[in-house]
């Protein structure tokens, strides 16, 4: 081989461009066998696509549902009947914010587990 220059990070992933100039076919095959697992991880990328997609959709759905539910139910319970005053506004902002945050966290974890399940079902096919 005339030139081989690659730097790997702490996870053995390439952080610089790889330039390979094998002298013959045997050297080329040896390079492919030695370094291809470190340079391409298609299986991990495919799994990440499903996990992160599920996480995103769960986070959005969970935060929307929990934010609305928390603000509406909490404020109606605390204030009794809905009123036109600013206390309802502040109650909805605070309860809605907390509900949105917690619902997003819970929805993200549920979405990620559903994405993992979907990935395993599709991977087995």
PDB file of N, CA and C in Angstrom:
ATOM      1  N   UNK A   1       0.844  -1.171   0.000  1.00  0.00           N
ATOM      2  CA  UNK A   1       0.000   0.000   0.000  1.00  0.00           C
ATOM      3  C   UNK A   1       0.888   1.231   0.000  1.00  0.00           C
ATOM      4  N   UNK A   2       0.506   2.183  -0.788  1.00  0.00           N
ATOM      5  CA  UNK A   2       1.313   3.390  -0.862  1.00  0.00           C
ATOM      6  C   UNK A   2       0.861   4.444   0.124  1.00  0.00           C
ATOM      7  N   UNK A   3      -0.457   4.483   0.445  1.00  0.00           N
ATOM      8  CA  UNK A   3      -0.915   5.501   1.386  1.00  0.00           C
ATOM      9  C   UNK A   3      -2.170   5.025   2.094  1.00  0.00           C
ATOM     10  N   UNK A   4      -2.171   5.211   3.395  1.00  0.00           N
ATOM     11  CA  UNK A   4      -3.352   4.919   4.198  1.00  0.00           C
ATOM     12  C   UNK A   4      -3.351   5.918   5.340  1.00  0.00           C
ATOM     13  N   UNK A   5      -4.332   6.831   5.326  1.00  0.00           N
ATOM     14  CA  UNK A   5      -4.367   7.880   6.340  1.00  0.00           C
ATOM     15  C   UNK A   5      -5.788   8.031   6.849  1.00  0.00           C
ATOM     16  N   UNK A   6      -5.993   7.605   8.091  1.00  0.00           N
ATOM     17  CA  UNK A   6      -7.299   7.758   8.699  1.00  0.00           C
ATOM     18  C   UNK A   6      -7.106   7.964  10.194  1.00  0.00           C
ATOM     19  N   UNK A   7      -7.895   8.874  10.755  1.00  0.00           N
ATOM     20  CA  UNK A   7      -7.908   9.071  12.202  1.00  0.00           C
ATOM     21  C   UNK A   7      -9.248   8.586  12.719  1.00  0.00           C
ATOM     22  N   UNK A   8      -9.214   7.858  13.823  1.00  0.00           N
ATOM     23  CA  UNK A   8     -10.429   7.333  14.417  1.00  0.00           C
ATOM     24  C   UNK A   8     -10.693   8.045  15.733  1.00  0.00           C
ATOM     25  N   UNK A   9     -11.986   8.225  16.056  1.00  0.00           N
ATOM     26  CA  UNK A   9     -12.324   8.810  17.348  1.00  0.00           C
ATOM     27  C   UNK A   9     -12.338   7.723  18.410  1.00  0.00           C
ATOM     28  N   UNK A  10     -12.817   8.052  19.609  1.00  0.00           N
ATOM     29  CA  UNK A  10     -12.789   7.093  20.709  1.00  0.00           C
ATOM     30  C   UNK A  10     -13.707   5.895  20.483  1.00  0.00           C
ATOM     31  N   UNK A  11     -14.650   5.988  19.544  1.00  0.00           N
ATOM     32  CA  UNK A  11     -15.552   4.880  19.227  1.00  0.00           C
ATOM     33  C   UNK A  11     -15.125   4.126  17.973  1.00  0.00           C
ATOM     34  N   UNK A  12     -13.904   4.345  17.539  1.00  0.00           N
ATOM     35  CA  UNK A  12     -13.356   3.721  16.340  1.00  0.00           C
ATOM     36  C   UNK A  12     -14.125   4.070  15.076  1.00  0.00           C
ATOM     37  N   UNK A  13     -14.627   5.283  15.016  1.00  0.00           N
ATOM     38  CA  UNK A  13     -15.281   5.766  13.806  1.00  0.00           C
ATOM     39  C   UNK A  13     -14.353   6.760  13.118  1.00  0.00           C
ATOM     40  N   UNK A  14     -14.383   6.738  11.805  1.00  0.00           N
ATOM     41  CA  UNK A  14     -13.491   7.610  11.048  1.00  0.00           C
ATOM     42  C   UNK A  14     -13.902   9.066  11.230  1.00  0.00           C
ATOM     43  N   UNK A  15     -12.936   9.919  11.523  1.00  0.00           N
ATOM     44  CA  UNK A  15     -13.214  11.346  11.651  1.00  0.00           C
ATOM     45  C   UNK A  15     -12.557  12.136  10.525  1.00  0.00           C
ATOM     46  N   UNK A  16     -11.766  11.483   9.713  1.00  0.00           N
ATOM     47  CA  UNK A  16     -11.167  12.130   8.543  1.00  0.00           C
ATOM     48  C   UNK A  16     -11.477  11.287   7.314  1.00  0.00           C
ATOM     49  N   UNK A  17     -11.316  11.889   6.181  1.00  0.00           N
ATOM     50  CA  UNK A  17     -11.517  11.152   4.942  1.00  0.00           C
ATOM     51  C   UNK A  17     -10.469  10.056   4.826  1.00  0.00           C
ATOM     52  N   UNK A  18     -10.863   8.949   4.269  1.00  0.00           N
ATOM     53  CA  UNK A  18      -9.957   7.818   4.112  1.00  0.00           C
ATOM     54  C   UNK A  18      -9.489   7.783   2.668  1.00  0.00           C
ATOM     55  N   UNK A  19      -8.201   7.714   2.515  1.00  0.00           N
ATOM     56  CA  UNK A  19      -7.639   7.600   1.168  1.00  0.00           C
ATOM     57  C   UNK A  19      -6.848   6.309   1.103  1.00  0.00           C
ATOM     58  N   UNK A  20      -7.309   5.408   0.275  1.00  0.00           N
ATOM     59  CA  UNK A  20      -6.676   4.099   0.155  1.00  0.00           C
ATOM     60  C   UNK A  20      -6.120   3.941  -1.253  1.00  0.00           C
ATOM     61  N   UNK A  21      -4.877   3.547  -1.319  1.00  0.00           N
ATOM     62  CA  UNK A  21      -4.259   3.258  -2.614  1.00  0.00           C
ATOM     63  C   UNK A  21      -3.531   1.928  -2.512  1.00  0.00           C
ATOM     64  N   UNK A  22      -4.267   0.841  -2.607  1.00  0.00           N
ATOM     65  CA  UNK A  22      -3.613  -0.464  -2.507  1.00  0.00           C
ATOM     66  C   UNK A  22      -2.756  -0.747  -3.729  1.00  0.00           C
ATOM     67  N   UNK A  23      -1.695  -1.484  -3.495  1.00  0.00           N
ATOM     68  CA  UNK A  23      -0.767  -1.799  -4.587  1.00  0.00           C
ATOM     69  C   UNK A  23      -1.331  -2.873  -5.510  1.00  0.00           C
ATOM     70  N   UNK A  24      -2.114  -3.798  -4.960  1.00  0.00           N
ATOM     71  CA  UNK A  24      -2.689  -4.860  -5.787  1.00  0.00           C
ATOM     72  C   UNK A  24      -4.027  -5.307  -5.199  1.00  0.00           C
ATOM     73  N   UNK A  25      -4.642  -6.280  -5.842  1.00  0.00           N
ATOM     74  CA  UNK A  25      -5.970  -6.733  -5.406  1.00  0.00           C
ATOM     75  C   UNK A  25      -5.954  -7.362  -4.019  1.00  0.00           C
ATOM     76  N   UNK A  26      -4.899  -8.081  -3.697  1.00  0.00           N
ATOM     77  CA  UNK A  26      -4.843  -8.714  -2.378  1.00  0.00           C
ATOM     78  C   UNK A  26      -4.805  -7.679  -1.258  1.00  0.00           C
ATOM     79  N   UNK A  27      -4.044  -6.608  -1.465  1.00  0.00           N
ATOM     80  CA  UNK A  27      -3.999  -5.547  -0.465  1.00  0.00           C
ATOM     81  C   UNK A  27      -5.362  -4.860  -0.337  1.00  0.00           C
ATOM     82  N   UNK A  28      -6.022  -4.694  -1.454  1.00  0.00           N
ATOM     83  CA  UNK A  28      -7.341  -4.079  -1.449  1.00  0.00           C
ATOM     84  C   UNK A  28      -8.327  -4.932  -0.648  1.00  0.00           C
ATOM     85  N   UNK A  29      -8.333  -6.238  -0.897  1.00  0.00           N
ATOM     86  CA  UNK A  29      -9.232  -7.137  -0.172  1.00  0.00           C
ATOM     87  C   UNK A  29      -8.909  -7.150   1.319  1.00  0.00           C
ATOM     88  N   UNK A  30      -7.635  -7.088   1.657  1.00  0.00           N
ATOM     89  CA  UNK A  30      -7.229  -7.070   3.060  1.00  0.00           C
ATOM     90  C   UNK A  30      -7.719  -5.786   3.751  1.00  0.00           C
ATOM     91  N   UNK A  31      -7.615  -4.655   3.072  1.00  0.00           N
ATOM     92  CA  UNK A  31      -8.110  -3.401   3.631  1.00  0.00           C
ATOM     93  C   UNK A  31      -9.619  -3.453   3.874  1.00  0.00           C
ATOM     94  N   UNK A  32     -10.349  -3.978   2.912  1.00  0.00           N
ATOM     95  CA  UNK A  32     -11.798  -4.081   3.056  1.00  0.00           C
ATOM     96  C   UNK A  32     -12.148  -4.963   4.253  1.00  0.00           C
ATOM     97  N   UNK A  33     -11.485  -6.090   4.385  1.00  0.00           N
ATOM     98  CA  UNK A  33     -11.770  -6.995   5.497  1.00  0.00           C
ATOM     99  C   UNK A  33     -11.414  -6.378   6.844  1.00  0.00           C
ATOM    100  N   UNK A  34     -10.327  -5.634   6.906  1.00  0.00           N
ATOM    101  CA  UNK A  34      -9.866  -5.071   8.176  1.00  0.00           C
ATOM    102  C   UNK A  34     -10.665  -3.858   8.622  1.00  0.00           C
ATOM    103  N   UNK A  35     -11.045  -2.981   7.688  1.00  0.00           N
ATOM    104  CA  UNK A  35     -11.582  -1.678   8.079  1.00  0.00           C
ATOM    105  C   UNK A  35     -13.035  -1.427   7.719  1.00  0.00           C
ATOM    106  N   UNK A  36     -13.670  -2.270   6.956  1.00  0.00           N
ATOM    107  CA  UNK A  36     -15.062  -1.993   6.610  1.00  0.00           C
ATOM    108  C   UNK A  36     -15.994  -2.018   7.810  1.00  0.00           C
ATOM    109  N   UNK A  37     -15.803  -2.868   8.824  1.00  0.00           N
ATOM    110  CA  UNK A  37     -16.704  -2.770   9.976  1.00  0.00           C
ATOM    111  C   UNK A  37     -16.591  -1.432  10.704  1.00  0.00           C
ATOM    112  N   UNK A  38     -15.449  -0.791  10.651  1.00  0.00           N
ATOM    113  CA  UNK A  38     -15.265   0.477  11.340  1.00  0.00           C
ATOM    114  C   UNK A  38     -15.802   1.651  10.536  1.00  0.00           C
ATOM    115  N   UNK A  39     -15.906   1.515   9.246  1.00  0.00           N
ATOM    116  CA  UNK A  39     -16.290   2.651   8.419  1.00  0.00           C
ATOM    117  C   UNK A  39     -17.778   2.702   8.108  1.00  0.00           C
ATOM    118  N   UNK A  40     -18.461   1.592   8.111  1.00  0.00           N
ATOM    119  CA  UNK A  40     -19.878   1.601   7.766  1.00  0.00           C
ATOM    120  C   UNK A  40     -20.702   0.810   8.761  1.00  0.00           C
ATOM    121  N   UNK A  41     -21.692   1.449   9.311  1.00  0.00           N
ATOM    122  CA  UNK A  41     -22.571   0.768  10.268  1.00  0.00           C
ATOM    123  C   UNK A  41     -24.017   1.001   9.849  1.00  0.00           C
ATOM    124  N   UNK A  42     -24.401   0.380   8.742  1.00  0.00           N
ATOM    125  CA  UNK A  42     -25.723   0.595   8.186  1.00  0.00           C
ATOM    126  C   UNK A  42     -26.812   0.097   9.126  1.00  0.00           C
ATOM    127  N   UNK A  43     -26.551  -0.997   9.832  1.00  0.00           N
ATOM    128  CA  UNK A  43     -27.547  -1.554  10.731  1.00  0.00           C
ATOM    129  C   UNK A  43     -27.871  -0.577  11.867  1.00  0.00           C
ATOM    130  N   UNK A  44     -26.847   0.066  12.414  1.00  0.00           N
ATOM    131  CA  UNK A  44     -27.066   1.048  13.473  1.00  0.00           C
ATOM    132  C   UNK A  44     -27.844   2.255  12.957  1.00  0.00           C
ATOM    133  N   UNK A  45     -27.543   2.687  11.746  1.00  0.00           N
ATOM    134  CA  UNK A  45     -28.250   3.836  11.169  1.00  0.00           C
ATOM    135  C   UNK A  45     -29.718   3.503  10.941  1.00  0.00           C
ATOM    136  N   UNK A  46     -29.982   2.308  10.468  1.00  0.00           N
ATOM    137  CA  UNK A  46     -31.362   1.901  10.237  1.00  0.00           C
ATOM    138  C   UNK A  46     -32.130   1.827  11.552  1.00  0.00           C
ATOM    139  N   UNK A  47     -31.504   1.277  12.576  1.00  0.00           N
ATOM    140  CA  UNK A  47     -32.162   1.185  13.884  1.00  0.00           C
ATOM    141  C   UNK A  47     -32.413   2.570  14.461  1.00  0.00           C
ATOM    142  N   UNK A  48     -31.444   3.449  14.327  1.00  0.00           N
ATOM    143  CA  UNK A  48     -31.578   4.813  14.842  1.00  0.00           C
ATOM    144  C   UNK A  48     -32.719   5.544  14.151  1.00  0.00           C
ATOM    145  N   UNK A  49     -32.904   5.286  12.871  1.00  0.00           N
ATOM    146  CA  UNK A  49     -33.992   5.924  12.129  1.00  0.00           C
ATOM    147  C   UNK A  49     -35.342   5.591  12.767  1.00  0.00           C
ATOM    148  N   UNK A  50     -35.548   4.350  13.106  1.00  0.00           N
ATOM    149  CA  UNK A  50     -36.822   3.948  13.718  1.00  0.00           C
ATOM    150  C   UNK A  50     -36.937   4.445  15.157  1.00  0.00           C
ATOM    151  N   UNK A  51     -35.862   4.355  15.918  1.00  0.00           N
ATOM    152  CA  UNK A  51     -35.910   4.797  17.318  1.00  0.00           C
ATOM    153  C   UNK A  51     -36.166   6.287  17.426  1.00  0.00           C
ATOM    154  N   UNK A  52     -35.423   7.076  16.679  1.00  0.00           N
ATOM    155  CA  UNK A  52     -35.567   8.532  16.767  1.00  0.00           C
ATOM    156  C   UNK A  52     -36.870   9.023  16.147  1.00  0.00           C
ATOM    157  N   UNK A  53     -37.334   8.340  15.100  1.00  0.00           N
ATOM    158  CA  UNK A  53     -38.629   8.695  14.523  1.00  0.00           C
ATOM    159  C   UNK A  53     -39.764   8.452  15.505  1.00  0.00           C
ATOM    160  N   UNK A  54     -39.710   7.312  16.183  1.00  0.00           N
ATOM    161  CA  UNK A  54     -40.707   7.018  17.205  1.00  0.00           C
ATOM    162  C   UNK A  54     -40.609   7.969  18.374  1.00  0.00           C
ATOM    163  N   UNK A  55     -39.384   8.313  18.742  1.00  0.00           N
ATOM    164  CA  UNK A  55     -39.168   9.241  19.854  1.00  0.00           C
ATOM    165  C   UNK A  55     -39.752  10.623  19.528  1.00  0.00           C
ATOM    166  N   UNK A  56     -39.524  11.089  18.311  1.00  0.00           N
ATOM    167  CA  UNK A  56     -40.037  12.397  17.898  1.00  0.00           C
ATOM    168  C   UNK A  56     -41.560  12.415  17.880  1.00  0.00           C
ATOM    169  N   UNK A  57     -42.158  11.418  17.247  1.00  0.00           N
ATOM    170  CA  UNK A  57     -43.620  11.417  17.166  1.00  0.00           C
ATOM    171  C   UNK A  57     -44.250  11.239  18.546  1.00  0.00           C
ATOM    172  N   UNK A  58     -43.654  10.409  19.391  1.00  0.00           N
ATOM    173  CA  UNK A  58     -44.170  10.251  20.745  1.00  0.00           C
ATOM    174  C   UNK A  58     -44.041  11.516  21.566  1.00  0.00           C
ATOM    175  N   UNK A  59     -42.943  12.206  21.394  1.00  0.00           N
ATOM    176  CA  UNK A  59     -42.716  13.448  22.133  1.00  0.00           C
ATOM    177  C   UNK A  59     -43.721  14.521  21.731  1.00  0.00           C
ATOM    178  N   UNK A  60     -43.950  14.654  20.447  1.00  0.00           N
ATOM    179  CA  UNK A  60     -44.904  15.669  19.966  1.00  0.00           C
ATOM    180  C   UNK A  60     -46.326  15.327  20.407  1.00  0.00           C
ATOM    181  N   UNK A  61     -46.721  14.086  20.195  1.00  0.00           N
ATOM    182  CA  UNK A  61     -48.075  13.678  20.570  1.00  0.00           C
ATOM    183  C   UNK A  61     -48.300  13.731  22.079  1.00  0.00           C
ATOM    184  N   UNK A  62     -47.310  13.238  22.836  1.00  0.00           N
ATOM    185  CA  UNK A  62     -47.442  13.228  24.287  1.00  0.00           C
ATOM    186  C   UNK A  62     -47.484  14.620  24.882  1.00  0.00           C
ATOM    187  N   UNK A  63     -46.650  15.502  24.368  1.00  0.00           N
ATOM    188  CA  UNK A  63     -46.642  16.863  24.910  1.00  0.00           C
ATOM    189  C   UNK A  63     -47.934  17.608  24.571  1.00  0.00           C
ATOM    190  N   UNK A  64     -48.459  17.390  23.385  1.00  0.00           N
ATOM    191  CA  UNK A  64     -49.710  18.063  23.007  1.00  0.00           C
ATOM    192  C   UNK A  64     -50.883  17.580  23.858  1.00  0.00           C
ATOM    193  N   UNK A  65     -51.003  16.271  24.001  1.00  0.00           N
ATOM    194  CA  UNK A  65     -52.129  15.738  24.783  1.00  0.00           C
ATOM    195  C   UNK A  65     -52.002  16.074  26.262  1.00  0.00           C
ATOM    196  N   UNK A  66     -50.821  15.881  26.813  1.00  0.00           N
ATOM    197  CA  UNK A  66     -50.651  16.136  28.249  1.00  0.00           C
ATOM    198  C   UNK A  66     -50.739  17.622  28.566  1.00  0.00           C
ATOM    199  N   UNK A  67     -50.210  18.460  27.705  1.00  0.00           N
ATOM    200  CA  UNK A  67     -50.283  19.899  27.938  1.00  0.00           C
ATOM    201  C   UNK A  67     -51.720  20.397  27.967  1.00  0.00           C
ATOM    202  N   UNK A  68     -52.504  19.969  27.001  1.00  0.00           N
ATOM    203  CA  UNK A  68     -53.912  20.376  26.969  1.00  0.00           C
ATOM    204  C   UNK A  68     -54.669  19.815  28.162  1.00  0.00           C
ATOM    205  N   UNK A  69     -54.482  18.519  28.411  1.00  0.00           N
ATOM    206  CA  UNK A  69     -55.209  17.883  29.518  1.00  0.00           C
ATOM    207  C   UNK A  69     -54.840  18.494  30.855  1.00  0.00           C
ATOM    208  N   UNK A  70     -53.558  18.688  31.074  1.00  0.00           N
ATOM    209  CA  UNK A  70     -53.115  19.233  32.362  1.00  0.00           C
ATOM    210  C   UNK A  70     -53.642  20.650  32.570  1.00  0.00           C
ATOM    211  N   UNK A  71     -53.562  21.469  31.543  1.00  0.00           N
ATOM    212  CA  UNK A  71     -54.011  22.848  31.715  1.00  0.00           C
ATOM    213  C   UNK A  71     -55.522  22.930  31.909  1.00  0.00           C
ATOM    214  N   UNK A  72     -56.269  22.188  31.146  1.00  0.00           N
ATOM    215  CA  UNK A  72     -57.728  22.267  31.237  1.00  0.00           C
ATOM    216  C   UNK A  72     -58.240  21.652  32.536  1.00  0.00           C
ATOM    217  N   UNK A  73     -57.807  20.427  32.823  1.00  0.00           N
ATOM    218  CA  UNK A  73     -58.325  19.738  34.001  1.00  0.00           C
ATOM    219  C   UNK A  73     -57.845  20.369  35.300  1.00  0.00           C
ATOM    220  N   UNK A  74     -56.561  20.663  35.378  1.00  0.00           N
ATOM    221  CA  UNK A  74     -56.014  21.233  36.613  1.00  0.00           C
ATOM    222  C   UNK A  74     -56.660  22.566  36.936  1.00  0.00           C
ATOM    223  N   UNK A  75     -56.759  23.419  35.960  1.00  0.00           N
ATOM    224  CA  UNK A  75     -57.307  24.756  36.222  1.00  0.00           C
ATOM    225  C   UNK A  75     -58.788  24.710  36.542  1.00  0.00           C
ATOM    226  N   UNK A  76     -59.524  23.799  35.926  1.00  0.00           N
ATOM    227  CA  UNK A  76     -60.947  23.684  36.263  1.00  0.00           C
ATOM    228  C   UNK A  76     -61.128  23.128  37.666  1.00  0.00           C
ATOM    229  N   UNK A  77     -60.262  22.217  38.068  1.00  0.00           N
ATOM    230  CA  UNK A  77     -60.367  21.677  39.423  1.00  0.00           C
ATOM    231  C   UNK A  77     -59.969  22.737  40.447  1.00  0.00           C
ATOM    232  N   UNK A  78     -58.882  23.455  40.184  1.00  0.00           N
ATOM    233  CA  UNK A  78     -58.420  24.458  41.139  1.00  0.00           C
ATOM    234  C   UNK A  78     -59.348  25.664  41.223  1.00  0.00           C
ATOM    235  N   UNK A  79     -59.841  26.105  40.111  1.00  0.00           N
ATOM    236  CA  UNK A  79     -60.652  27.322  40.093  1.00  0.00           C
ATOM    237  C   UNK A  79     -62.152  27.034  40.079  1.00  0.00           C
ATOM    238  N   UNK A  80     -62.513  25.767  40.109  1.00  0.00           N
ATOM    239  CA  UNK A  80     -63.938  25.429  40.090  1.00  0.00           C
ATOM    240  C   UNK A  80     -64.505  25.615  38.701  1.00  0.00           C
ATOM    241  N   UNK A  81     -65.162  26.687  38.489  1.00  0.00           N
ATOM    242  CA  UNK A  81     -65.763  26.997  37.196  1.00  0.00           C
ATOM    243  C   UNK A  81     -64.827  27.963  36.473  1.00  0.00           C
ATOM    244  N   UNK A  82     -64.732  27.812  35.171  1.00  0.00           N
ATOM    245  CA  UNK A  82     -63.869  28.714  34.409  1.00  0.00           C
ATOM    246  C   UNK A  82     -64.329  30.152  34.591  1.00  0.00           C
ATOM    247  N   UNK A  83     -63.337  31.024  34.761  1.00  0.00           N
ATOM    248  CA  UNK A  83     -63.657  32.445  34.917  1.00  0.00           C
ATOM    249  C   UNK A  83     -62.943  33.241  33.835  1.00  0.00           C
ATOM    250  N   UNK A  84     -63.287  34.488  33.725  1.00  0.00           N
ATOM    251  CA  UNK A  84     -62.684  35.342  32.698  1.00  0.00           C
ATOM    252  C   UNK A  84     -61.479  36.106  33.233  1.00  0.00           C
ATOM    253  N   UNK A  85     -61.062  35.850  34.447  1.00  0.00           N
ATOM    254  CA  UNK A  85     -59.952  36.586  35.042  1.00  0.00           C
ATOM    255  C   UNK A  85     -58.598  36.094  34.566  1.00  0.00           C
ATOM    256  N   UNK A  86     -57.550  36.820  34.988  1.00  0.00           N
ATOM    257  CA  UNK A  86     -56.199  36.448  34.567  1.00  0.00           C
ATOM    258  C   UNK A  86     -55.655  35.245  35.328  1.00  0.00           C
ATOM    259  N   UNK A  87     -56.292  34.859  36.441  1.00  0.00           N
ATOM    260  CA  UNK A  87     -55.821  33.682  37.180  1.00  0.00           C
ATOM    261  C   UNK A  87     -55.929  32.429  36.315  1.00  0.00           C
ATOM    262  N   UNK A  88     -56.952  32.351  35.498  1.00  0.00           N
ATOM    263  CA  UNK A  88     -57.092  31.210  34.597  1.00  0.00           C
ATOM    264  C   UNK A  88     -55.958  31.184  33.575  1.00  0.00           C
ATOM    265  N   UNK A  89     -55.580  32.342  33.098  1.00  0.00           N
ATOM    266  CA  UNK A  89     -54.477  32.423  32.144  1.00  0.00           C
ATOM    267  C   UNK A  89     -53.187  31.910  32.766  1.00  0.00           C
ATOM    268  N   UNK A  90     -52.847  32.390  33.953  1.00  0.00           N
ATOM    269  CA  UNK A  90     -51.609  31.970  34.598  1.00  0.00           C
ATOM    270  C   UNK A  90     -51.651  30.497  34.982  1.00  0.00           C
ATOM    271  N   UNK A  91     -52.785  30.048  35.417  1.00  0.00           N
ATOM    272  CA  UNK A  91     -52.933  28.632  35.752  1.00  0.00           C
ATOM    273  C   UNK A  91     -52.703  27.771  34.519  1.00  0.00           C
ATOM    274  N   UNK A  92     -53.299  28.165  33.411  1.00  0.00           N
ATOM    275  CA  UNK A  92     -53.132  27.389  32.174  1.00  0.00           C
ATOM    276  C   UNK A  92     -51.691  27.422  31.687  1.00  0.00           C
ATOM    277  N   UNK A  93     -51.035  28.557  31.793  1.00  0.00           N
ATOM    278  CA  UNK A  93     -49.639  28.633  31.351  1.00  0.00           C
ATOM    279  C   UNK A  93     -48.742  27.728  32.179  1.00  0.00           C
ATOM    280  N   UNK A  94     -48.898  27.763  33.485  1.00  0.00           N
ATOM    281  CA  UNK A  94     -48.033  26.958  34.351  1.00  0.00           C
ATOM    282  C   UNK A  94     -48.370  25.475  34.236  1.00  0.00           C
ATOM    283  N   UNK A  95     -49.646  25.130  34.400  1.00  0.00           N
ATOM    284  CA  UNK A  95     -50.042  23.720  34.327  1.00  0.00           C
ATOM    285  C   UNK A  95     -49.800  23.161  32.927  1.00  0.00           C
ATOM    286  N   UNK A  96     -50.071  23.958  31.911  1.00  0.00           N
ATOM    287  CA  UNK A  96     -49.837  23.515  30.537  1.00  0.00           C
ATOM    288  C   UNK A  96     -48.365  23.303  30.253  1.00  0.00           C
ATOM    289  N   UNK A  97     -47.527  24.184  30.779  1.00  0.00           N
ATOM    290  CA  UNK A  97     -46.083  24.031  30.578  1.00  0.00           C
ATOM    291  C   UNK A  97     -45.537  22.782  31.234  1.00  0.00           C
ATOM    292  N   UNK A  98     -45.952  22.552  32.476  1.00  0.00           N
ATOM    293  CA  UNK A  98     -45.499  21.351  33.187  1.00  0.00           C
ATOM    294  C   UNK A  98     -46.031  20.098  32.494  1.00  0.00           C
ATOM    295  N   UNK A  99     -47.296  20.121  32.133  1.00  0.00           N
ATOM    296  CA  UNK A  99     -47.887  18.974  31.445  1.00  0.00           C
ATOM    297  C   UNK A  99     -47.236  18.709  30.104  1.00  0.00           C
ATOM    298  N   UNK A 100     -46.934  19.763  29.375  1.00  0.00           N
ATOM    299  CA  UNK A 100     -46.276  19.608  28.081  1.00  0.00           C
ATOM    300  C   UNK A 100     -44.895  18.992  28.237  1.00  0.00           C
ATOM    301  N   UNK A 101     -44.147  19.474  29.214  1.00  0.00           N
ATOM    302  CA  UNK A 101     -42.797  18.957  29.447  1.00  0.00           C
ATOM    303  C   UNK A 101     -42.832  17.478  29.833  1.00  0.00           C
ATOM    304  N   UNK A 102     -43.638  17.156  30.834  1.00  0.00           N
ATOM    305  CA  UNK A 102     -43.706  15.765  31.305  1.00  0.00           C
ATOM    306  C   UNK A 102     -44.304  14.845  30.243  1.00  0.00           C
ATOM    307  N   UNK A 103     -45.319  15.319  29.554  1.00  0.00           N
ATOM    308  CA  UNK A 103     -45.910  14.518  28.489  1.00  0.00           C
ATOM    309  C   UNK A 103     -44.937  14.269  27.356  1.00  0.00           C
ATOM    310  N   UNK A 104     -44.108  15.260  27.050  1.00  0.00           N
ATOM    311  CA  UNK A 104     -43.092  15.078  26.015  1.00  0.00           C
ATOM    312  C   UNK A 104     -42.052  14.050  26.411  1.00  0.00           C
ATOM    313  N   UNK A 105     -41.631  14.071  27.665  1.00  0.00           N
ATOM    314  CA  UNK A 105     -40.663  13.076  28.138  1.00  0.00           C
ATOM    315  C   UNK A 105     -41.250  11.671  28.086  1.00  0.00           C
ATOM    316  N   UNK A 106     -42.451  11.525  28.620  1.00  0.00           N
ATOM    317  CA  UNK A 106     -43.096  10.209  28.635  1.00  0.00           C
ATOM    318  C   UNK A 106     -43.383   9.730  27.212  1.00  0.00           C
ATOM    319  N   UNK A 107     -43.897  10.622  26.380  1.00  0.00           N
ATOM    320  CA  UNK A 107     -44.189  10.255  24.994  1.00  0.00           C
ATOM    321  C   UNK A 107     -42.939   9.866  24.225  1.00  0.00           C
ATOM    322  N   UNK A 108     -41.828  10.538  24.508  1.00  0.00           N
ATOM    323  CA  UNK A 108     -40.573  10.209  23.827  1.00  0.00           C
ATOM    324  C   UNK A 108     -40.108   8.808  24.198  1.00  0.00           C
ATOM    325  N   UNK A 109     -40.188   8.465  25.474  1.00  0.00           N
ATOM    326  CA  UNK A 109     -39.749   7.125  25.878  1.00  0.00           C
ATOM    327  C   UNK A 109     -40.684   6.051  25.323  1.00  0.00           C
ATOM    328  N   UNK A 110     -41.978   6.327  25.317  1.00  0.00           N
ATOM    329  CA  UNK A 110     -42.920   5.360  24.751  1.00  0.00           C
ATOM    330  C   UNK A 110     -42.737   5.238  23.238  1.00  0.00           C
ATOM    331  N   UNK A 111     -42.528   6.365  22.571  1.00  0.00           N
ATOM    332  CA  UNK A 111     -42.309   6.338  21.131  1.00  0.00           C
ATOM    333  C   UNK A 111     -41.041   5.603  20.759  1.00  0.00           C
ATOM    334  N   UNK A 112     -39.999   5.773  21.568  1.00  0.00           N
ATOM    335  CA  UNK A 112     -38.742   5.077  21.304  1.00  0.00           C
ATOM    336  C   UNK A 112     -38.925   3.567  21.451  1.00  0.00           C
ATOM    337  N   UNK A 113     -39.650   3.139  22.462  1.00  0.00           N
ATOM    338  CA  UNK A 113     -39.879   1.699  22.631  1.00  0.00           C
ATOM    339  C   UNK A 113     -40.730   1.151  21.488  1.00  0.00           C
ATOM    340  N   UNK A 114     -41.702   1.939  21.021  1.00  0.00           N
ATOM    341  CA  UNK A 114     -42.511   1.502  19.873  1.00  0.00           C
ATOM    342  C   UNK A 114     -41.669   1.465  18.593  1.00  0.00           C
ATOM    343  N   UNK A 115     -40.767   2.422  18.450  1.00  0.00           N
ATOM    344  CA  UNK A 115     -39.869   2.410  17.301  1.00  0.00           C
ATOM    345  C   UNK A 115     -38.945   1.207  17.316  1.00  0.00           C
ATOM    346  N   UNK A 116     -38.474   0.839  18.497  1.00  0.00           N
ATOM    347  CA  UNK A 116     -37.616  -0.339  18.628  1.00  0.00           C
ATOM    348  C   UNK A 116     -38.393  -1.601  18.265  1.00  0.00           C
ATOM    349  N   UNK A 117     -39.623  -1.687  18.721  1.00  0.00           N
ATOM    350  CA  UNK A 117     -40.462  -2.827  18.392  1.00  0.00           C
ATOM    351  C   UNK A 117     -40.709  -2.898  16.889  1.00  0.00           C
ATOM    352  N   UNK A 118     -41.001  -1.769  16.268  1.00  0.00           N
ATOM    353  CA  UNK A 118     -41.215  -1.719  14.819  1.00  0.00           C
ATOM    354  C   UNK A 118     -39.956  -2.143  14.073  1.00  0.00           C
ATOM    355  N   UNK A 119     -38.807  -1.666  14.532  1.00  0.00           N
ATOM    356  CA  UNK A 119     -37.540  -2.037  13.891  1.00  0.00           C
ATOM    357  C   UNK A 119     -37.311  -3.540  13.977  1.00  0.00           C
ATOM    358  N   UNK A 120     -37.571  -4.135  15.142  1.00  0.00           N
ATOM    359  CA  UNK A 120     -37.353  -5.572  15.295  1.00  0.00           C
ATOM    360  C   UNK A 120     -38.297  -6.382  14.421  1.00  0.00           C
ATOM    361  N   UNK A 121     -39.548  -5.922  14.269  1.00  0.00           N
ATOM    362  CA  UNK A 121     -40.501  -6.623  13.408  1.00  0.00           C
ATOM    363  C   UNK A 121     -40.064  -6.528  11.946  1.00  0.00           C
ATOM    364  N   UNK A 122     -39.658  -5.331  11.520  1.00  0.00           N
ATOM    365  CA  UNK A 122     -39.241  -5.151  10.124  1.00  0.00           C
ATOM    366  C   UNK A 122     -37.923  -5.858   9.858  1.00  0.00           C
ATOM    367  N   UNK A 123     -37.011  -5.839  10.817  1.00  0.00           N
ATOM    368  CA  UNK A 123     -35.699  -6.484  10.651  1.00  0.00           C
ATOM    369  C   UNK A 123     -35.849  -7.993  10.483  1.00  0.00           C
ATOM    370  N   UNK A 124     -36.809  -8.585  11.185  1.00  0.00           N
ATOM    371  CA  UNK A 124     -37.007 -10.034  11.106  1.00  0.00           C
ATOM    372  C   UNK A 124     -37.575 -10.473   9.768  1.00  0.00           C
ATOM    373  N   UNK A 125     -38.221  -9.551   9.048  1.00  0.00           N
ATOM    374  CA  UNK A 125     -38.812  -9.924   7.734  1.00  0.00           C
ATOM    375  C   UNK A 125     -37.801 -10.104   6.683  1.00  0.00           C
TER     376      UNK A 125
END
